[in-house]
Amino acid sequence: MRAAWFVALAGCSSILGIGDLPAPVDPDSGPDGPTCMGNTEACGATCIDLQTSVDHCGACDLACPIVSGGARSCEAGLCRLDVDEAVHAAWTVTAPGPFLGFWKDGTLLASNGSSASVLIPPVASPTAQPFTALAGRHTIVIPTNTQKPEVALSHFGFYEGRKQIDMQAWMNDINGCCGTTPDGFAADPVLGRMFTGHGVTELDTETGMTAKTTDTQIQHGSSFYVTASALYLPRRDTAIVTKYDRNHAVVWSLAMSATAGVTVGEAAIASDGGIVVGSAMGDKLTRFLPTGVKAWEIDVVAPGAPITTSTGLVIVGATKGGDPHLCAFDLGMGTERWCTKVDAKVIDAIAGNDGVIYVSLDGITSVLGLDRATGIVRYTFRNVTPPQELLLRAGKLYVSGSGAVTAIDVPATSYDASSWPVRFHDNQRTRGTQATLEF
């Protein structure tokens, strides 16, 4: 079934979110403007049908975007883009996932902890280089050595377990902890600190030295979420969420739910510095204010990894009526704003600065774009390798999965200002334990 999505651009230089457009303002219309008939309105000296014009869609001078491979139209004052051949560039890589990251110069990294490629976008004929071809780079990597979760900083941007000691810049054994679950992590690129390991272990990203270790009895594998003033730790296999200050002192430690069987899953930082936590089992979504006050707890079946937006929404994949959906909830009240049925489980969702939520689905060869305000599907990008992860940079949406990385032209130029997780060199994807980071 073909789908479509809509975006709007303001003039030539700024992008407005879908559903967030201002009322049309036309300083040239009025007593001296033309007298327009029917469904047309005055845009300067010309009468325009704002319901159908691709150059004035919904308002004067709001042009529908031009996207490579997409046929644009304006329907009912909203831009429509349906793309069959959306690919700007595509790479075949050795990593089956793969997990993606960026260096600051725009070089794209693709790795899975045991193999890796360096991709140089955007080019007409993309090529891949091994990480070892780029000496002098500093990239954090979490290797997948399940017996000793080491953390290495490699000048070559990639380090695998103990097999390439000559490339190692540093290694920290994380208190000598052993186990079978990779550690979660979070990074503060401003202060040059990384939080990972058994307990709360804080590392200096330049030297690899342990700066501070506390609460060492916390179970291995918990994810970390860091802000400018706090560190959150939803404790794996429990319902407990703990907030620390940046000196590792416990600020509060609370259960996300009193319901039996609820354990913490993925989380997202809210715009006020609080946290929204989904359940791993137990079908709950809980919002904590920075003070530890539980703002709300709602029933959400099978919540995925939430993200937050600058418009006060919590976006999360979930199940509703037995079917997969992408849903938006009000950050302040927890009330449902919209819930859109999709064809398969939501694998990843990111918020663009164009008012669009980009979504990849399990096993589906299309990427969707949904109106942030209404949940209506506005874009469909087809012929994409079944995706795992989405990244966004400079008008390109990068999609990884099944041994390939695809780059798609999109109107969004960056992430939504308040969206979480951040996905650039200060990547906060704590579930991506094999992903690359740079500071």
Protein backbone atom coordinates (compact mmCIF):
# COMPACT_ATOMS: atom_id res chain seq x y z
CA MET A 1 0.00 0.00 0.00
CA ARG A 2 1.45 3.35 -0.97
CA ALA A 3 1.76 6.03 1.64
CA ALA A 4 2.91 9.63 1.62
CA TRP A 5 4.05 12.39 3.96
CA PHE A 6 4.01 16.14 4.02
CA VAL A 7 6.45 18.88 4.95
CA ALA A 8 6.57 22.63 4.56
CA LEU A 9 9.51 24.98 4.06
CA ALA A 10 9.51 28.64 5.05
CA GLY A 11 11.05 30.72 2.30
CA CYS A 12 14.50 29.56 1.30
CA SER A 13 16.35 29.38 4.61
CA SER A 14 14.29 27.91 7.45
CA ILE A 15 12.19 24.82 8.01
CA LEU A 16 8.96 24.88 10.01
CA GLY A 17 7.53 21.83 11.67
CA ILE A 18 4.49 20.19 10.17
CA GLY A 19 1.44 21.19 12.15
CA ASP A 20 3.37 24.12 13.64
CA LEU A 21 3.00 26.57 10.74
CA PRO A 22 2.03 30.17 11.53
CA ALA A 23 -1.06 31.72 10.09
CA PRO A 24 -0.37 32.95 6.54
CA VAL A 25 0.83 36.54 6.51
CA ASP A 26 0.78 38.41 3.22
CA PRO A 27 1.87 42.05 3.56
CA ASP A 28 1.15 42.64 -0.15
CA SER A 29 -2.50 41.67 0.00
CA GLY A 30 -5.19 44.09 1.09
CA PRO A 31 -6.80 47.09 -0.54
CA ASP A 32 -4.12 47.27 -3.25
CA GLY A 33 -3.88 43.52 -3.85
CA PRO A 34 -5.76 41.58 -6.52
CA THR A 35 -9.33 40.49 -6.06
CA CYS A 36 -9.18 36.70 -6.00
CA MET A 37 -12.02 34.38 -6.90
CA GLY A 38 -12.97 30.88 -5.84
CA ASN A 39 -10.43 29.03 -3.70
CA THR A 40 -7.54 31.34 -4.56
CA GLU A 41 -5.88 33.87 -2.28
CA ALA A 42 -3.57 36.79 -2.97
CA CYS A 43 0.14 36.09 -2.72
CA GLY A 44 1.65 39.41 -3.68
CA ALA A 45 0.14 40.41 -6.99
CA THR A 46 -0.93 36.88 -7.92
CA CYS A 47 -3.97 34.82 -6.98
CA ILE A 48 -2.87 31.38 -5.80
CA ASP A 49 -4.76 28.26 -4.77
CA LEU A 50 -3.01 27.52 -1.47
CA GLN A 51 -4.59 24.08 -1.40
CA THR A 52 -2.80 22.87 -4.55
CA SER A 53 0.22 25.10 -5.28
CA VAL A 54 3.58 23.39 -4.64
CA ASP A 55 5.22 26.83 -4.29
CA HIS A 56 2.57 28.22 -1.92
CA CYS A 57 1.23 25.16 -0.11
CA GLY A 58 -1.00 26.10 2.81
CA ALA A 59 0.38 29.64 2.92
CA CYS A 60 2.10 32.13 0.64
CA ASP A 61 5.77 31.35 -0.05
CA LEU A 62 5.66 27.99 1.74
CA ALA A 63 7.13 25.76 -0.96
CA CYS A 64 7.05 21.97 -0.93
CA PRO A 65 10.56 20.54 -0.70
CA ILE A 66 12.37 19.06 -3.66
CA VAL A 67 13.77 15.66 -2.72
CA SER A 68 15.81 13.50 -5.07
CA GLY A 69 13.65 10.75 -6.55
CA GLY A 70 10.41 12.13 -5.13
CA ALA A 71 7.33 13.48 -6.91
CA ARG A 72 5.93 16.45 -4.97
CA SER A 73 2.41 17.77 -4.91
CA CYS A 74 0.22 19.91 -2.67
CA GLU A 75 -3.04 18.40 -1.49
CA ALA A 76 -5.42 20.18 0.87
CA GLY A 77 -2.70 22.66 1.74
CA LEU A 78 -0.16 20.01 2.74
CA CYS A 79 2.89 18.88 0.82
CA ARG A 80 2.91 15.30 -0.39
CA LEU A 81 6.03 13.33 -1.21
CA ASP A 82 5.97 9.72 -2.36
CA VAL A 83 9.36 8.24 -3.20
CA ASP A 84 9.99 4.91 -4.90
CA GLU A 85 13.70 5.43 -5.59
CA ALA A 86 14.82 7.46 -2.60
CA VAL A 87 18.43 6.34 -2.44
CA HIS A 88 21.03 9.09 -2.67
CA ALA A 89 23.92 6.69 -2.06
CA ALA A 90 24.29 3.15 -0.78
CA TRP A 91 27.14 1.11 0.62
CA THR A 92 27.58 -2.61 1.18
CA VAL A 93 29.49 -3.10 4.43
CA THR A 94 30.95 -6.02 6.32
CA ALA A 95 29.05 -5.31 9.54
CA PRO A 96 25.65 -7.05 9.46
CA GLY A 97 23.86 -4.39 11.53
CA PRO A 98 25.57 -2.14 11.43
CA PHE A 99 25.75 0.43 14.22
CA LEU A 100 26.43 3.94 12.93
CA GLY A 101 28.31 6.98 14.15
CA PHE A 102 29.90 10.16 12.80
CA TRP A 103 33.25 11.79 13.09
CA LYS A 104 33.13 15.55 13.31
CA ASP A 105 34.31 15.96 9.72
CA GLY A 106 31.27 14.05 8.43
CA THR A 107 32.95 10.67 8.01
CA LEU A 108 30.40 7.96 8.70
CA LEU A 109 31.38 4.89 10.75
CA ALA A 110 29.69 1.50 10.50
CA SER A 111 30.64 -1.26 12.94
CA ASN A 112 29.35 -4.26 14.82
CA GLY A 113 32.18 -4.84 17.28
CA SER A 114 34.01 -7.41 15.18
CA SER A 115 34.18 -5.73 11.77
CA ALA A 116 33.94 -2.16 10.57
CA SER A 117 33.89 0.17 7.60
CA VAL A 118 34.50 3.87 7.06
CA LEU A 119 32.08 5.55 4.66
CA ILE A 120 32.72 8.91 3.04
CA PRO A 121 29.38 10.65 2.36
CA PRO A 122 28.03 12.20 0.32
CA VAL A 123 29.57 11.12 -2.98
CA ALA A 124 28.17 9.93 -6.28
CA SER A 125 29.98 6.59 -6.07
CA PRO A 126 30.40 5.82 -2.36
CA THR A 127 33.36 3.77 -1.22
CA ALA A 128 34.26 2.06 2.03
CA GLN A 129 37.65 2.09 3.74
CA PRO A 130 38.86 0.02 6.69
CA PHE A 131 39.20 1.94 9.94
CA THR A 132 42.95 1.32 9.97
CA ALA A 133 43.31 3.57 6.92
CA LEU A 134 42.59 6.64 9.04
CA ALA A 135 45.30 6.96 11.68
CA GLY A 136 45.23 9.69 14.28
CA ARG A 137 41.48 9.59 14.93
CA HIS A 138 40.06 9.25 18.44
CA THR A 139 36.86 7.25 18.70
CA ILE A 140 35.33 5.54 21.71
CA VAL A 141 34.30 1.95 21.03
CA ILE A 142 32.61 -0.59 23.30
CA PRO A 143 33.98 -3.97 22.12
CA THR A 144 31.85 -7.09 22.43
CA ASN A 145 34.13 -9.15 24.64
CA THR A 146 31.45 -10.66 26.86
CA GLN A 147 33.90 -12.09 29.39
CA LYS A 148 35.63 -8.81 30.24
CA PRO A 149 33.79 -5.65 29.14
CA GLU A 150 36.79 -3.54 28.23
CA VAL A 151 36.62 -0.01 26.93
CA ALA A 152 39.25 1.14 24.45
CA LEU A 153 40.11 4.43 22.80
CA SER A 154 41.80 3.77 19.47
CA HIS A 155 43.77 6.24 17.36
CA PHE A 156 42.49 4.31 14.36
CA GLY A 157 38.86 4.56 15.41
CA PHE A 158 38.32 0.85 15.93
CA TYR A 159 39.50 -1.64 18.49
CA GLU A 160 38.41 -5.26 18.85
CA GLY A 161 38.90 -6.98 22.19
CA ARG A 162 42.58 -7.79 22.72
CA LYS A 163 43.43 -8.67 19.12
CA GLN A 164 45.01 -5.38 18.06
CA ILE A 165 47.09 -4.27 21.05
CA ASP A 166 49.45 -2.26 18.85
CA MET A 167 46.54 0.01 17.91
CA GLN A 168 45.38 0.56 21.45
CA ALA A 169 45.51 4.08 22.90
CA TRP A 170 44.24 2.90 26.27
CA MET A 171 42.24 0.17 27.93
CA ASN A 172 40.32 0.15 31.19
CA ASP A 173 39.12 -3.20 32.53
CA ILE A 174 36.18 -1.55 34.36
CA ASN A 175 37.00 -2.88 37.83
CA GLY A 176 37.75 -6.34 36.45
CA CYS A 177 34.06 -7.14 36.20
CA CYS A 178 33.08 -10.16 34.20
CA GLY A 179 29.76 -11.23 32.81
CA THR A 180 27.87 -12.04 29.65
CA THR A 181 25.98 -8.77 29.11
CA PRO A 182 27.69 -5.77 27.46
CA ASP A 183 27.74 -2.62 29.56
CA GLY A 184 25.54 0.32 28.80
CA PHE A 185 27.22 3.70 28.64
CA ALA A 186 26.71 7.43 28.42
CA ALA A 187 29.12 10.20 27.49
CA ASP A 188 29.60 13.85 28.37
CA PRO A 189 31.73 15.22 25.52
CA VAL A 190 31.91 18.69 27.08
CA LEU A 191 33.63 17.48 30.24
CA GLY A 192 35.38 14.57 28.51
CA ARG A 193 33.80 11.93 30.72
CA MET A 194 32.26 8.54 30.03
CA PHE A 195 30.03 6.54 32.40
CA THR A 196 30.00 2.78 32.05
CA GLY A 197 30.86 -0.52 33.68
CA HIS A 198 29.93 -2.41 36.79
CA GLY A 199 28.63 0.16 39.25
CA VAL A 200 28.97 3.79 38.27
CA THR A 201 32.42 4.01 36.71
CA GLU A 202 33.48 7.40 35.36
CA LEU A 203 36.36 7.46 32.87
CA ASP A 204 38.48 10.23 31.41
CA THR A 205 37.97 9.88 27.67
CA GLU A 206 41.44 11.15 26.79
CA THR A 207 43.52 8.96 29.12
CA GLY A 208 41.15 6.10 29.90
CA MET A 209 41.84 6.54 33.62
CA THR A 210 39.05 5.84 36.11
CA ALA A 211 38.09 9.21 37.59
CA LYS A 212 35.55 7.87 40.08
CA THR A 213 33.82 4.59 40.92
CA THR A 214 30.79 4.29 43.19
CA ASP A 215 27.87 1.99 43.93
CA THR A 216 29.85 -1.02 42.73
CA GLN A 217 27.14 -3.56 43.58
CA ILE A 218 24.83 -2.32 40.82
CA GLN A 219 24.21 -5.08 38.33
CA HIS A 220 26.25 -5.33 35.18
CA GLY A 221 24.61 -4.10 31.98
CA SER A 222 22.48 -1.18 33.18
CA SER A 223 22.09 1.76 30.81
CA PHE A 224 23.17 5.30 31.72
CA TYR A 225 21.58 8.64 30.78
CA VAL A 226 23.63 11.80 31.40
CA THR A 227 22.66 15.49 31.50
CA ALA A 228 24.69 18.60 32.32
CA SER A 229 23.95 18.21 36.04
CA ALA A 230 22.82 14.64 36.63
CA LEU A 231 23.29 10.97 35.81
CA TYR A 232 20.31 8.61 35.62
CA LEU A 233 20.60 4.86 36.00
CA PRO A 234 17.50 2.69 35.37
CA ARG A 235 18.63 -0.50 37.09
CA ARG A 236 18.32 -3.52 34.85
CA ASP A 237 15.96 -6.32 36.02
CA THR A 238 14.42 -4.02 38.66
CA ALA A 239 11.79 -1.27 38.68
CA ILE A 240 14.26 1.18 40.23
CA VAL A 241 15.47 4.41 38.64
CA THR A 242 18.30 6.21 40.47
CA LYS A 243 19.38 9.79 39.94
CA TYR A 244 22.92 10.85 40.88
CA ASP A 245 24.48 14.28 40.91
CA ARG A 246 27.74 14.68 39.03
CA ASN A 247 29.68 13.78 42.19
CA HIS A 248 27.89 10.39 42.15
CA ALA A 249 25.83 11.21 45.25
CA VAL A 250 22.34 9.68 45.12
CA VAL A 251 19.68 12.38 44.69
CA TRP A 252 16.77 9.96 44.68
CA SER A 253 16.02 6.31 43.94
CA LEU A 254 12.42 5.39 43.07
CA ALA A 255 10.35 2.60 41.49
CA MET A 256 8.86 3.42 38.11
CA SER A 257 5.79 1.39 39.07
CA ALA A 258 4.34 -0.52 41.99
CA THR A 259 2.83 -3.06 39.60
CA ALA A 260 4.30 -6.55 39.99
CA GLY A 261 6.57 -7.66 37.16
CA VAL A 262 7.46 -4.18 35.89
CA THR A 263 11.17 -3.70 35.17
CA VAL A 264 12.89 -0.74 33.56
CA GLY A 265 13.62 -0.64 29.85
CA GLU A 266 14.71 2.20 27.56
CA ALA A 267 14.44 5.82 28.67
CA ALA A 268 14.66 9.39 27.36
CA ILE A 269 15.73 12.65 28.95
CA ALA A 270 12.97 15.28 29.09
CA SER A 271 13.48 18.95 28.23
CA ASP A 272 13.35 19.94 31.93
CA GLY A 273 16.13 17.50 32.84
CA GLY A 274 13.77 14.80 34.10
CA ILE A 275 13.42 11.35 32.58
CA VAL A 276 10.78 9.22 30.84
CA VAL A 277 11.22 5.47 31.36
CA GLY A 278 9.56 2.64 29.46
CA SER A 279 9.20 -0.82 30.93
CA ALA A 280 11.05 -3.86 29.68
CA MET A 281 8.20 -6.05 30.88
CA GLY A 282 4.95 -4.85 32.39
CA ASP A 283 3.62 -2.37 29.82
CA LYS A 284 4.20 0.97 31.54
CA LEU A 285 5.58 4.39 30.67
CA THR A 286 6.60 6.62 33.59
CA ARG A 287 7.64 10.26 33.78
CA PHE A 288 9.83 11.55 36.64
CA LEU A 289 10.45 15.25 37.23
CA PRO A 290 14.04 16.25 38.14
CA THR A 291 12.94 16.45 41.78
CA GLY A 292 11.88 12.79 41.79
CA VAL A 293 8.16 13.55 41.70
CA LYS A 294 6.35 11.02 39.51
CA ALA A 295 4.44 13.25 37.09
CA TRP A 296 2.54 10.34 35.59
CA GLU A 297 2.50 6.60 35.00
CA ILE A 298 0.42 5.29 32.10
CA ASP A 299 -0.32 1.92 30.52
CA VAL A 300 1.54 1.52 27.24
CA VAL A 301 1.70 -2.00 25.83
CA ALA A 302 5.20 -3.12 24.77
CA PRO A 303 6.82 0.32 24.80
CA GLY A 304 9.99 0.68 22.74
CA ALA A 305 12.75 3.26 23.12
CA PRO A 306 11.09 6.68 23.68
CA ILE A 307 12.27 9.99 22.28
CA THR A 308 11.23 13.51 23.32
CA THR A 309 10.56 16.55 21.12
CA SER A 310 10.85 20.32 21.45
CA THR A 311 7.05 20.52 21.25
CA GLY A 312 6.52 18.62 24.50
CA LEU A 313 5.86 15.15 23.15
CA VAL A 314 7.06 11.69 24.12
CA ILE A 315 7.20 9.51 20.98
CA VAL A 316 7.32 5.75 21.42
CA GLY A 317 6.64 2.57 19.47
CA ALA A 318 3.98 0.46 21.16
CA THR A 319 1.24 -2.11 20.64
CA LYS A 320 -2.39 -1.01 20.58
CA GLY A 321 -5.32 -3.29 19.92
CA GLY A 322 -2.82 -6.04 19.16
CA ASP A 323 -1.24 -4.05 16.30
CA PRO A 324 2.06 -2.12 16.16
CA HIS A 325 1.75 1.67 16.43
CA LEU A 326 3.82 4.79 16.81
CA CYS A 327 2.29 6.92 19.55
CA ALA A 328 2.77 10.43 20.93
CA PHE A 329 2.01 11.39 24.53
CA ASP A 330 1.96 14.79 26.19
CA LEU A 331 5.15 15.22 28.23
CA GLY A 332 3.36 17.24 30.90
CA MET A 333 0.21 15.17 31.42
CA GLY A 334 0.89 11.77 29.85
CA THR A 335 -2.26 12.02 27.73
CA GLU A 336 -2.27 10.50 24.27
CA ARG A 337 -1.94 13.05 21.45
CA TRP A 338 -2.04 10.56 18.58
CA CYS A 339 -1.36 6.90 17.83
CA THR A 340 -0.73 5.76 14.24
CA LYS A 341 -0.91 2.14 13.13
CA VAL A 342 2.16 0.94 11.24
CA ASP A 343 2.97 -2.26 9.37
CA ALA A 344 5.47 -3.76 11.85
CA LYS A 345 7.19 -3.15 15.16
CA VAL A 346 8.99 0.20 15.39
CA ILE A 347 12.75 -0.41 15.36
CA ASP A 348 13.94 3.19 15.51
CA ALA A 349 12.44 6.67 15.54
CA ILE A 350 14.12 10.07 15.36
CA ALA A 351 12.79 13.63 15.36
CA GLY A 352 13.92 16.01 12.61
CA ASN A 353 13.91 19.80 12.73
CA ASP A 354 11.32 19.77 9.93
CA GLY A 355 8.52 18.62 12.22
CA VAL A 356 8.78 15.04 11.00
CA ILE A 357 9.30 11.81 12.97
CA TYR A 358 11.34 9.40 10.84
CA VAL A 359 10.60 5.74 11.56
CA SER A 360 12.09 2.37 10.60
CA LEU A 361 10.06 -0.83 11.00
CA ASP A 362 11.03 -4.43 11.62
CA GLY A 363 11.67 -6.23 8.33
CA ILE A 364 10.03 -3.50 6.23
CA THR A 365 11.90 -2.09 3.21
CA SER A 366 10.48 1.41 3.65
CA VAL A 367 11.21 4.31 5.98
CA LEU A 368 8.26 6.50 7.00
CA GLY A 369 7.98 10.15 7.96
CA LEU A 370 5.10 11.09 10.24
CA ASP A 371 3.71 14.54 10.97
CA ARG A 372 4.92 15.37 14.48
CA ALA A 373 1.71 17.23 15.36
CA THR A 374 -0.86 14.76 13.98
CA GLY A 375 0.87 11.41 13.39
CA ILE A 376 -0.25 11.37 9.75
CA VAL A 377 2.17 9.56 7.42
CA ARG A 378 3.59 12.19 5.06
CA TYR A 379 6.63 10.55 3.46
CA THR A 380 7.35 7.01 2.37
CA PHE A 381 10.88 6.13 1.24
CA ARG A 382 10.93 2.77 -0.50
CA ASN A 383 13.56 0.27 -1.66
CA VAL A 384 15.61 0.56 1.53
CA THR A 385 17.35 -2.47 3.02
CA PRO A 386 15.31 -3.56 6.08
CA PRO A 387 16.61 -1.06 8.63
CA GLN A 388 17.91 -1.21 12.17
CA GLU A 389 19.10 2.28 12.91
CA LEU A 390 18.51 5.83 11.64
CA LEU A 391 20.92 8.78 11.78
CA LEU A 392 20.39 12.28 10.46
CA ARG A 393 22.87 14.88 9.30
CA ALA A 394 22.87 17.81 6.86
CA GLY A 395 19.82 16.82 4.85
CA LYS A 396 20.67 13.12 4.66
CA LEU A 397 18.92 10.31 6.53
CA TYR A 398 21.27 7.33 6.98
CA VAL A 399 19.64 3.93 7.34
CA SER A 400 21.58 0.83 8.40
CA GLY A 401 20.61 -2.82 8.27
CA SER A 402 21.29 -6.20 6.70
CA GLY A 403 24.87 -5.38 5.76
CA ALA A 404 24.08 -2.09 4.04
CA VAL A 405 23.92 1.63 4.72
CA THR A 406 21.58 3.81 2.66
CA ALA A 407 21.62 7.62 2.46
CA ILE A 408 18.32 9.35 1.65
CA ASP A 409 17.73 13.02 0.81
CA VAL A 410 15.34 14.58 3.35
CA PRO A 411 14.22 18.14 4.15
CA ALA A 412 15.44 17.91 7.77
CA THR A 413 18.90 19.41 8.27
CA SER A 414 19.38 18.36 11.90
CA TYR A 415 17.67 16.73 14.84
CA ASP A 416 14.83 18.45 16.65
CA ALA A 417 16.40 20.82 19.19
CA SER A 418 15.13 18.99 22.28
CA SER A 419 14.98 15.43 20.99
CA TRP A 420 16.58 12.59 22.92
CA PRO A 421 18.67 10.59 22.33
CA VAL A 422 21.27 12.87 20.81
CA ARG A 423 22.86 11.07 17.87
CA PHE A 424 25.99 12.86 16.80
CA HIS A 425 29.50 12.63 18.27
CA ASP A 426 27.94 12.87 21.74
CA ASN A 427 25.75 9.90 20.89
CA GLN A 428 23.64 8.79 23.85
CA ARG A 429 22.31 5.55 22.41
CA THR A 430 23.02 3.52 25.51
CA ARG A 431 21.57 0.35 24.05
CA GLY A 432 24.11 0.55 21.20
CA THR A 433 26.88 -1.16 23.15
CA GLN A 434 28.82 -1.86 19.96
CA ALA A 435 28.49 1.66 18.56
CA THR A 436 31.27 4.14 17.94
CA LEU A 437 31.57 7.55 19.59
CA GLU A 438 33.84 10.54 19.21
CA PHE A 439 34.45 13.45 21.59
